[in-house]
PDB file of N, CA and C in Angstrom:
ATOM      1  N   MET A   1     171.599  67.478  28.819  1.00  0.00           N
ATOM      2  CA  MET A   1     170.628  66.594  29.396  1.00  0.00           C
ATOM      3  C   MET A   1     170.991  65.989  30.709  1.00  0.00           C
ATOM      4  N   ALA A   2     170.613  66.032  31.655  1.00  0.00           N
ATOM      5  CA  ALA A   2     171.011  65.428  32.909  1.00  0.00           C
ATOM      6  C   ALA A   2     171.080  63.895  32.905  1.00  0.00           C
ATOM      7  N   ARG A   3     171.729  63.263  33.581  1.00  0.00           N
ATOM      8  CA  ARG A   3     172.009  61.643  33.511  1.00  0.00           C
ATOM      9  C   ARG A   3     171.013  61.387  34.629  1.00  0.00           C
ATOM     10  N   LYS A   4     170.348  60.274  34.509  1.00  0.00           N
ATOM     11  CA  LYS A   4     169.526  59.691  35.779  1.00  0.00           C
ATOM     12  C   LYS A   4     170.125  59.057  36.595  1.00  0.00           C
ATOM     13  N   THR A   5     169.392  59.367  37.999  1.00  0.00           N
ATOM     14  CA  THR A   5     169.883  58.852  39.035  1.00  0.00           C
ATOM     15  C   THR A   5     169.512  57.321  39.218  1.00  0.00           C
ATOM     16  N   ASP A   6     170.268  56.416  39.818  1.00  0.00           N
ATOM     17  CA  ASP A   6     169.989  55.158  40.323  1.00  0.00           C
ATOM     18  C   ASP A   6     168.701  54.872  40.684  1.00  0.00           C
ATOM     19  N   GLU A   7     168.122  55.723  41.443  1.00  0.00           N
ATOM     20  CA  GLU A   7     166.922  55.740  42.073  1.00  0.00           C
ATOM     21  C   GLU A   7     165.632  55.659  40.630  1.00  0.00           C
ATOM     22  N   GLN A   8     166.108  56.902  39.912  1.00  0.00           N
ATOM     23  CA  GLN A   8     165.250  56.882  38.593  1.00  0.00           C
ATOM     24  C   GLN A   8     165.206  55.786  37.746  1.00  0.00           C
ATOM     25  N   ARG A   9     166.602  55.461  37.709  1.00  0.00           N
ATOM     26  CA  ARG A   9     166.425  53.871  36.935  1.00  0.00           C
ATOM     27  C   ARG A   9     165.899  52.880  37.245  1.00  0.00           C
ATOM     28  N   LEU A  10     165.771  52.468  38.563  1.00  0.00           N
ATOM     29  CA  LEU A  10     165.295  51.320  39.294  1.00  0.00           C
ATOM     30  C   LEU A  10     163.634  51.639  39.450  1.00  0.00           C
ATOM     31  N   GLN A  11     163.100  52.905  39.325  1.00  0.00           N
ATOM     32  CA  GLN A  11     161.911  53.080  39.412  1.00  0.00           C
ATOM     33  C   GLN A  11     161.388  52.974  37.906  1.00  0.00           C
ATOM     34  N   GLU A  12     162.172  53.199  36.706  1.00  0.00           N
ATOM     35  CA  GLU A  12     161.994  52.803  35.502  1.00  0.00           C
ATOM     36  C   GLU A  12     161.953  51.321  35.261  1.00  0.00           C
ATOM     37  N   LEU A  13     162.841  50.506  35.771  1.00  0.00           N
ATOM     38  CA  LEU A  13     162.798  49.316  35.806  1.00  0.00           C
ATOM     39  C   LEU A  13     161.668  48.571  36.402  1.00  0.00           C
ATOM     40  N   GLU A  14     161.047  48.872  37.477  1.00  0.00           N
ATOM     41  CA  GLU A  14     160.229  48.560  38.432  1.00  0.00           C
ATOM     42  C   GLU A  14     158.883  48.706  37.793  1.00  0.00           C
ATOM     43  N   GLN A  15     158.663  49.905  36.963  1.00  0.00           N
ATOM     44  CA  GLN A  15     157.416  50.433  36.213  1.00  0.00           C
ATOM     45  C   GLN A  15     157.538  49.169  35.145  1.00  0.00           C
ATOM     46  N   ALA A  16     158.525  48.897  34.181  1.00  0.00           N
ATOM     47  CA  ALA A  16     158.597  48.205  32.935  1.00  0.00           C
ATOM     48  C   ALA A  16     158.329  46.845  33.355  1.00  0.00           C
ATOM     49  N   ARG A  17     158.823  46.369  34.352  1.00  0.00           N
ATOM     50  CA  ARG A  17     158.678  45.208  35.117  1.00  0.00           C
ATOM     51  C   ARG A  17     157.105  44.815  35.270  1.00  0.00           C
ATOM     52  N   LYS A  18     156.523  45.828  35.963  1.00  0.00           N
ATOM     53  CA  LYS A  18     154.913  45.752  36.111  1.00  0.00           C
ATOM     54  C   LYS A  18     154.186  45.676  34.988  1.00  0.00           C
ATOM     55  N   GLN A  19     154.691  46.668  33.689  1.00  0.00           N
ATOM     56  CA  GLN A  19     153.735  46.142  32.484  1.00  0.00           C
ATOM     57  C   GLN A  19     154.279  45.239  32.012  1.00  0.00           C
ATOM     58  N   LEU A  20     155.187  44.684  31.896  1.00  0.00           N
ATOM     59  CA  LEU A  20     155.448  43.320  31.422  1.00  0.00           C
ATOM     60  C   LEU A  20     154.482  41.889  32.245  1.00  0.00           C
ATOM     61  N   ALA A  21     154.457  42.314  33.610  1.00  0.00           N
ATOM     62  CA  ALA A  21     153.965  41.368  34.154  1.00  0.00           C
ATOM     63  C   ALA A  21     152.158  41.547  33.806  1.00  0.00           C
ATOM     64  N   GLU A  22     151.541  42.538  33.477  1.00  0.00           N
ATOM     65  CA  GLU A  22     150.456  42.888  33.184  1.00  0.00           C
ATOM     66  C   GLU A  22     150.097  42.198  31.713  1.00  0.00           C
ATOM     67  N   ARG A  23     151.254  42.600  30.478  1.00  0.00           N
ATOM     68  CA  ARG A  23     150.990  42.017  29.374  1.00  0.00           C
ATOM     69  C   ARG A  23     151.253  40.218  29.632  1.00  0.00           C
ATOM     70  N   GLU A  24     151.858  39.741  30.535  1.00  0.00           N
ATOM     71  CA  GLU A  24     151.812  38.365  30.459  1.00  0.00           C
ATOM     72  C   GLU A  24     150.563  37.800  31.076  1.00  0.00           C
ATOM     73  N   LYS A  25     150.087  38.574  31.956  1.00  0.00           N
ATOM     74  CA  LYS A  25     148.877  38.140  32.627  1.00  0.00           C
ATOM     75  C   LYS A  25     147.598  38.124  31.654  1.00  0.00           C
ATOM     76  N   ALA A  26     147.577  39.074  30.721  1.00  0.00           N
ATOM     77  CA  ALA A  26     146.655  39.180  29.689  1.00  0.00           C
ATOM     78  C   ALA A  26     146.709  38.064  28.447  1.00  0.00           C
ATOM     79  N   ILE A  27     148.222  38.061  28.262  1.00  0.00           N
ATOM     80  CA  ILE A  27     148.545  36.890  27.490  1.00  0.00           C
ATOM     81  C   ILE A  27     147.829  35.461  27.767  1.00  0.00           C
ATOM     82  N   LYS A  28     148.255  35.095  29.120  1.00  0.00           N
ATOM     83  CA  LYS A  28     147.948  33.600  29.482  1.00  0.00           C
ATOM     84  C   LYS A  28     146.346  33.712  29.750  1.00  0.00           C
ATOM     85  N   ALA A  29     145.717  34.967  30.171  1.00  0.00           N
ATOM     86  CA  ALA A  29     144.279  34.923  30.019  1.00  0.00           C
ATOM     87  C   ALA A  29     143.705  34.299  28.730  1.00  0.00           C
ATOM     88  N   ARG A  30     144.255  35.032  27.580  1.00  0.00           N
ATOM     89  CA  ARG A  30     143.555  34.769  26.379  1.00  0.00           C
ATOM     90  C   ARG A  30     143.810  33.262  25.932  1.00  0.00           C
ATOM     91  N   LEU A  31     145.146  32.925  26.318  1.00  0.00           N
ATOM     92  CA  LEU A  31     145.343  31.575  26.016  1.00  0.00           C
ATOM     93  C   LEU A  31     144.447  30.476  26.726  1.00  0.00           C
ATOM     94  N   ARG A  32     144.246  30.955  28.091  1.00  0.00           N
ATOM     95  CA  ARG A  32     142.927  29.773  28.858  1.00  0.00           C
ATOM     96  C   ARG A  32     141.867  30.043  28.020  1.00  0.00           C
ATOM     97  N   SER A  33     141.219  31.274  27.773  1.00  0.00           N
ATOM     98  CA  SER A  33     140.278  31.187  26.991  1.00  0.00           C
ATOM     99  C   SER A  33     140.025  30.569  25.817  1.00  0.00           C
ATOM    100  N   LYS A  34     140.977  30.514  24.961  1.00  0.00           N
ATOM    101  CA  LYS A  34     141.222  29.911  23.816  1.00  0.00           C
ATOM    102  C   LYS A  34     141.130  28.133  23.885  1.00  0.00           C
ATOM    103  N   ASP A  35     141.748  28.191  25.006  1.00  0.00           N
ATOM    104  CA  ASP A  35     142.069  26.532  25.178  1.00  0.00           C
ATOM    105  C   ASP A  35     140.531  26.323  25.718  1.00  0.00           C
ATOM    106  N   ARG A  36     139.906  26.713  26.610  1.00  0.00           N
ATOM    107  CA  ARG A  36     138.459  26.608  27.204  1.00  0.00           C
ATOM    108  C   ARG A  36     137.418  26.405  25.911  1.00  0.00           C
ATOM    109  N   LYS A  37     137.485  27.449  25.029  1.00  0.00           N
ATOM    110  CA  LYS A  37     136.520  27.446  23.882  1.00  0.00           C
ATOM    111  C   LYS A  37     137.074  26.038  23.084  1.00  0.00           C
ATOM    112  N   ILE A  38     138.015  25.431  23.046  1.00  0.00           N
ATOM    113  CA  ILE A  38     138.378  24.523  22.285  1.00  0.00           C
ATOM    114  C   ILE A  38     137.954  23.276  22.910  1.00  0.00           C
ATOM    115  N   ARG A  39     138.380  23.019  23.982  1.00  0.00           N
ATOM    116  CA  ARG A  39     137.446  21.891  24.893  1.00  0.00           C
ATOM    117  C   ARG A  39     136.132  22.080  24.858  1.00  0.00           C
ATOM    118  N   ASN A  40     135.676  23.263  25.208  1.00  0.00           N
ATOM    119  CA  ASN A  40     133.862  23.078  25.052  1.00  0.00           C
ATOM    120  C   ASN A  40     133.362  22.430  23.620  1.00  0.00           C
ATOM    121  N   ARG A  41     134.133  23.262  22.548  1.00  0.00           N
ATOM    122  CA  ARG A  41     133.642  22.614  21.275  1.00  0.00           C
ATOM    123  C   ARG A  41     133.611  21.180  21.342  1.00  0.00           C
ATOM    124  N   ARG A  42     135.118  20.442  21.464  1.00  0.00           N
ATOM    125  CA  ARG A  42     135.061  18.834  21.530  1.00  0.00           C
ATOM    126  C   ARG A  42     134.301  18.455  22.436  1.00  0.00           C
ATOM    127  N   ILE A  43     134.016  18.932  23.441  1.00  0.00           N
ATOM    128  CA  ILE A  43     133.136  18.143  24.448  1.00  0.00           C
ATOM    129  C   ILE A  43     131.614  18.172  23.738  1.00  0.00           C
ATOM    130  N   ALA A  44     131.291  19.099  23.166  1.00  0.00           N
ATOM    131  CA  ALA A  44     129.883  19.429  22.235  1.00  0.00           C
ATOM    132  C   ALA A  44     129.753  18.159  21.490  1.00  0.00           C
ATOM    133  N   ILE A  45     130.740  18.268  20.344  1.00  0.00           N
ATOM    134  CA  ILE A  45     130.791  17.223  19.242  1.00  0.00           C
ATOM    135  C   ILE A  45     130.805  15.706  19.830  1.00  0.00           C
ATOM    136  N   ILE A  46     131.807  15.518  20.937  1.00  0.00           N
ATOM    137  CA  ILE A  46     131.755  14.257  21.329  1.00  0.00           C
ATOM    138  C   ILE A  46     130.625  13.728  21.929  1.00  0.00           C
ATOM    139  N   GLY A  47     129.829  14.706  22.727  1.00  0.00           N
ATOM    140  CA  GLY A  47     128.606  14.472  23.650  1.00  0.00           C
ATOM    141  C   GLY A  47     127.478  14.153  22.270  1.00  0.00           C
ATOM    142  N   SER A  48     127.608  14.916  21.343  1.00  0.00           N
ATOM    143  CA  SER A  48     126.663  14.788  19.895  1.00  0.00           C
ATOM    144  C   SER A  48     126.657  13.479  19.340  1.00  0.00           C
ATOM    145  N   VAL A  49     127.997  13.002  19.201  1.00  0.00           N
ATOM    146  CA  VAL A  49     128.038  11.921  18.839  1.00  0.00           C
ATOM    147  C   VAL A  49     127.878  10.727  19.357  1.00  0.00           C
ATOM    148  N   VAL A  50     128.254  10.733  20.743  1.00  0.00           N
ATOM    149  CA  VAL A  50     127.749   9.858  21.640  1.00  0.00           C
ATOM    150  C   VAL A  50     126.178   9.635  21.847  1.00  0.00           C
ATOM    151  N   GLU A  51     125.603  10.804  21.877  1.00  0.00           N
ATOM    152  CA  GLU A  51     123.931  10.350  22.126  1.00  0.00           C
ATOM    153  C   GLU A  51     123.337   9.947  20.755  1.00  0.00           C
ATOM    154  N   ALA A  52     123.979  10.452  19.505  1.00  0.00           N
ATOM    155  CA  ALA A  52     123.601   9.888  18.560  1.00  0.00           C
ATOM    156  C   ALA A  52     123.345   8.374  18.786  1.00  0.00           C
ATOM    157  N   HIS A  53     124.733   8.065  18.745  1.00  0.00           N
ATOM    158  CA  HIS A  53     124.917   6.803  18.468  1.00  0.00           C
ATOM    159  C   HIS A  53     124.225   5.860  19.703  1.00  0.00           C
ATOM    160  N   ALA A  54     123.693   6.321  20.711  1.00  0.00           N
ATOM    161  CA  ALA A  54     123.099   6.042  21.754  1.00  0.00           C
ATOM    162  C   ALA A  54     121.706   5.675  21.439  1.00  0.00           C
ATOM    163  N   GLN A  55     121.061   6.617  20.474  1.00  0.00           N
ATOM    164  CA  GLN A  55     119.675   6.365  19.843  1.00  0.00           C
ATOM    165  C   GLN A  55     119.578   5.273  18.998  1.00  0.00           C
ATOM    166  N   HIS A  56     120.700   4.860  18.222  1.00  0.00           N
ATOM    167  CA  HIS A  56     120.585   3.622  17.253  1.00  0.00           C
ATOM    168  C   HIS A  56     121.058   2.361  17.952  1.00  0.00           C
ATOM    169  N   ASP A  57     121.569   2.356  19.148  1.00  0.00           N
ATOM    170  CA  ASP A  57     122.054   0.894  19.526  1.00  0.00           C
ATOM    171  C   ASP A  57     121.727   1.004  21.215  1.00  0.00           C
ATOM    172  N   ALA A  58     120.854   0.198  21.457  1.00  0.00           N
ATOM    173  CA  ALA A  58     120.221   0.108  22.571  1.00  0.00           C
ATOM    174  C   ALA A  58     121.240  -0.673  23.796  1.00  0.00           C
ATOM    175  N   GLN A  59     122.399  -1.434  23.266  1.00  0.00           N
ATOM    176  CA  GLN A  59     123.444  -2.089  24.195  1.00  0.00           C
ATOM    177  C   GLN A  59     124.140  -0.730  24.553  1.00  0.00           C
ATOM    178  N   PHE A  60     124.738  -0.042  23.757  1.00  0.00           N
ATOM    179  CA  PHE A  60     125.393   1.221  24.010  1.00  0.00           C
ATOM    180  C   PHE A  60     124.976   2.265  24.618  1.00  0.00           C
ATOM    181  N   ALA A  61     123.504   2.144  24.542  1.00  0.00           N
ATOM    182  CA  ALA A  61     122.718   3.276  25.398  1.00  0.00           C
ATOM    183  C   ALA A  61     122.612   2.842  26.831  1.00  0.00           C
ATOM    184  N   ASP A  62     122.381   1.655  26.858  1.00  0.00           N
ATOM    185  CA  ASP A  62     122.431   0.834  28.046  1.00  0.00           C
ATOM    186  C   ASP A  62     123.772   1.079  28.924  1.00  0.00           C
ATOM    187  N   LEU A  63     124.946   0.901  28.198  1.00  0.00           N
ATOM    188  CA  LEU A  63     126.478   1.034  28.827  1.00  0.00           C
ATOM    189  C   LEU A  63     126.547   2.507  29.343  1.00  0.00           C
ATOM    190  N   LEU A  64     125.839   3.251  28.458  1.00  0.00           N
ATOM    191  CA  LEU A  64     125.961   5.082  28.613  1.00  0.00           C
ATOM    192  C   LEU A  64     125.257   5.395  29.946  1.00  0.00           C
ATOM    193  N   TRP A  65     124.228   4.785  29.957  1.00  0.00           N
ATOM    194  CA  TRP A  65     123.113   5.244  31.310  1.00  0.00           C
ATOM    195  C   TRP A  65     123.853   4.682  32.667  1.00  0.00           C
ATOM    196  N   THR A  66     124.682   3.284  32.445  1.00  0.00           N
ATOM    197  CA  THR A  66     125.244   2.794  33.461  1.00  0.00           C
ATOM    198  C   THR A  66     126.284   3.896  34.024  1.00  0.00           C
ATOM    199  N   ILE A  67     127.226   4.215  33.235  1.00  0.00           N
ATOM    200  CA  ILE A  67     128.307   4.857  33.418  1.00  0.00           C
ATOM    201  C   ILE A  67     127.906   6.255  33.778  1.00  0.00           C
ATOM    202  N   LEU A  68     126.869   6.920  33.486  1.00  0.00           N
ATOM    203  CA  LEU A  68     126.219   8.380  34.259  1.00  0.00           C
ATOM    204  C   LEU A  68     125.970   8.081  35.450  1.00  0.00           C
ATOM    205  N   LYS A  69     125.081   7.054  35.723  1.00  0.00           N
ATOM    206  CA  LYS A  69     124.742   6.667  36.918  1.00  0.00           C
ATOM    207  C   LYS A  69     125.795   6.536  38.015  1.00  0.00           C
ATOM    208  N   ASN A  70     126.814   6.006  37.796  1.00  0.00           N
ATOM    209  CA  ASN A  70     128.073   5.535  38.267  1.00  0.00           C
ATOM    210  C   ASN A  70     129.226   6.844  38.324  1.00  0.00           C
ATOM    211  N   ARG A  71     129.028   7.897  37.328  1.00  0.00           N
ATOM    212  CA  ARG A  71     130.023   8.854  37.623  1.00  0.00           C
ATOM    213  C   ARG A  71     129.608  10.285  37.660  1.00  0.00           C
ATOM    214  N   VAL A  72     128.044  10.569  37.500  1.00  0.00           N
ATOM    215  CA  VAL A  72     127.814  11.807  37.662  1.00  0.00           C
ATOM    216  C   VAL A  72     127.388  11.961  39.327  1.00  0.00           C
ATOM    217  N   THR A  73     127.959  12.806  39.829  1.00  0.00           N
ATOM    218  CA  THR A  73     127.838  12.861  41.204  1.00  0.00           C
ATOM    219  C   THR A  73     126.899  14.030  41.712  1.00  0.00           C
ATOM    220  N   ARG A  74     126.996  15.242  41.013  1.00  0.00           N
ATOM    221  CA  ARG A  74     126.579  16.529  41.486  1.00  0.00           C
ATOM    222  C   ARG A  74     124.894  16.018  41.377  1.00  0.00           C
ATOM    223  N   ASP A  75     124.149  16.566  42.507  1.00  0.00           N
ATOM    224  CA  ASP A  75     122.402  16.141  42.636  1.00  0.00           C
ATOM    225  C   ASP A  75     122.016  17.067  41.590  1.00  0.00           C
ATOM    226  N   ALA A  76     122.337  18.216  41.124  1.00  0.00           N
ATOM    227  CA  ALA A  76     121.778  19.128  39.986  1.00  0.00           C
ATOM    228  C   ALA A  76     121.757  18.763  38.940  1.00  0.00           C
ATOM    229  N   ASP A  77     123.181  18.148  38.371  1.00  0.00           N
ATOM    230  CA  ASP A  77     123.493  17.366  37.327  1.00  0.00           C
ATOM    231  C   ASP A  77     122.674  16.040  37.092  1.00  0.00           C
ATOM    232  N   ARG A  78     122.492  15.184  38.129  1.00  0.00           N
ATOM    233  CA  ARG A  78     121.846  14.004  37.951  1.00  0.00           C
ATOM    234  C   ARG A  78     120.227  14.294  37.886  1.00  0.00           C
ATOM    235  N   GLU A  79     119.885  15.225  38.764  1.00  0.00           N
ATOM    236  CA  GLU A  79     118.359  15.551  38.424  1.00  0.00           C
ATOM    237  C   GLU A  79     118.176  15.801  36.879  1.00  0.00           C
ATOM    238  N   PHE A  80     118.772  16.995  36.233  1.00  0.00           N
ATOM    239  CA  PHE A  80     119.042  17.042  34.838  1.00  0.00           C
ATOM    240  C   PHE A  80     118.804  16.066  33.828  1.00  0.00           C
ATOM    241  N   LEU A  81     119.683  14.828  34.290  1.00  0.00           N
ATOM    242  CA  LEU A  81     119.718  14.052  33.177  1.00  0.00           C
ATOM    243  C   LEU A  81     118.749  12.853  33.715  1.00  0.00           C
ATOM    244  N   GLY A  82     117.911  13.190  34.694  1.00  0.00           N
ATOM    245  CA  GLY A  82     116.715  12.301  35.019  1.00  0.00           C
ATOM    246  C   GLY A  82     117.318  10.747  35.993  1.00  0.00           C
ATOM    247  N   LEU A  83     118.218  11.043  36.373  1.00  0.00           N
ATOM    248  CA  LEU A  83     118.799  10.119  37.302  1.00  0.00           C
ATOM    249  C   LEU A  83     118.645  10.118  39.040  1.00  0.00           C
ATOM    250  N   PRO A  84     118.240   9.345  39.403  1.00  0.00           N
ATOM    251  CA  PRO A  84     117.963   9.273  40.835  1.00  0.00           C
ATOM    252  C   PRO A  84     118.989   9.881  41.731  1.00  0.00           C
ATOM    253  N   PRO A  85     118.699  10.636  42.702  1.00  0.00           N
ATOM    254  CA  PRO A  85     119.720  11.393  43.542  1.00  0.00           C
ATOM    255  C   PRO A  85     120.900  10.404  44.296  1.00  0.00           C
ATOM    256  N   ASN A  86     121.859  11.039  44.225  1.00  0.00           N
ATOM    257  CA  ASN A  86     122.970   9.987  44.913  1.00  0.00           C
ATOM    258  C   ASN A  86     122.277   9.470  46.399  1.00  0.00           C
ATOM    259  N   LYS A  87     122.907   8.285  46.864  1.00  0.00           N
ATOM    260  CA  LYS A  87     122.542   8.137  47.976  1.00  0.00           C
ATOM    261  C   LYS A  87     123.860   8.458  49.045  1.00  0.00           C
ATOM    262  N   LYS A  88     123.300   9.043  50.458  1.00  0.00           N
ATOM    263  CA  LYS A  88     124.105   9.947  51.177  1.00  0.00           C
ATOM    264  C   LYS A  88     124.716   8.601  52.262  1.00  0.00           C
TER     265      LYS A  88
END
């Protein structure tokens, strides 16, 4: 069996490095997706609890609307929530 040249070894290493980089990229993408799903679930649960509490506590509901009026900045989001448009 013939020995590999340095050029062949280098080419194999470069190919292995590319494969490892692709595997790393795929794993990182899966982790980001998993983190995003966890965050979205947490947001949904918190939002449901806050909304339910606001239905039973008028003072809390007023505070919540004040926060929303001050913190929601996107016009589409404000419209969706029934808030007046931002003053420009």
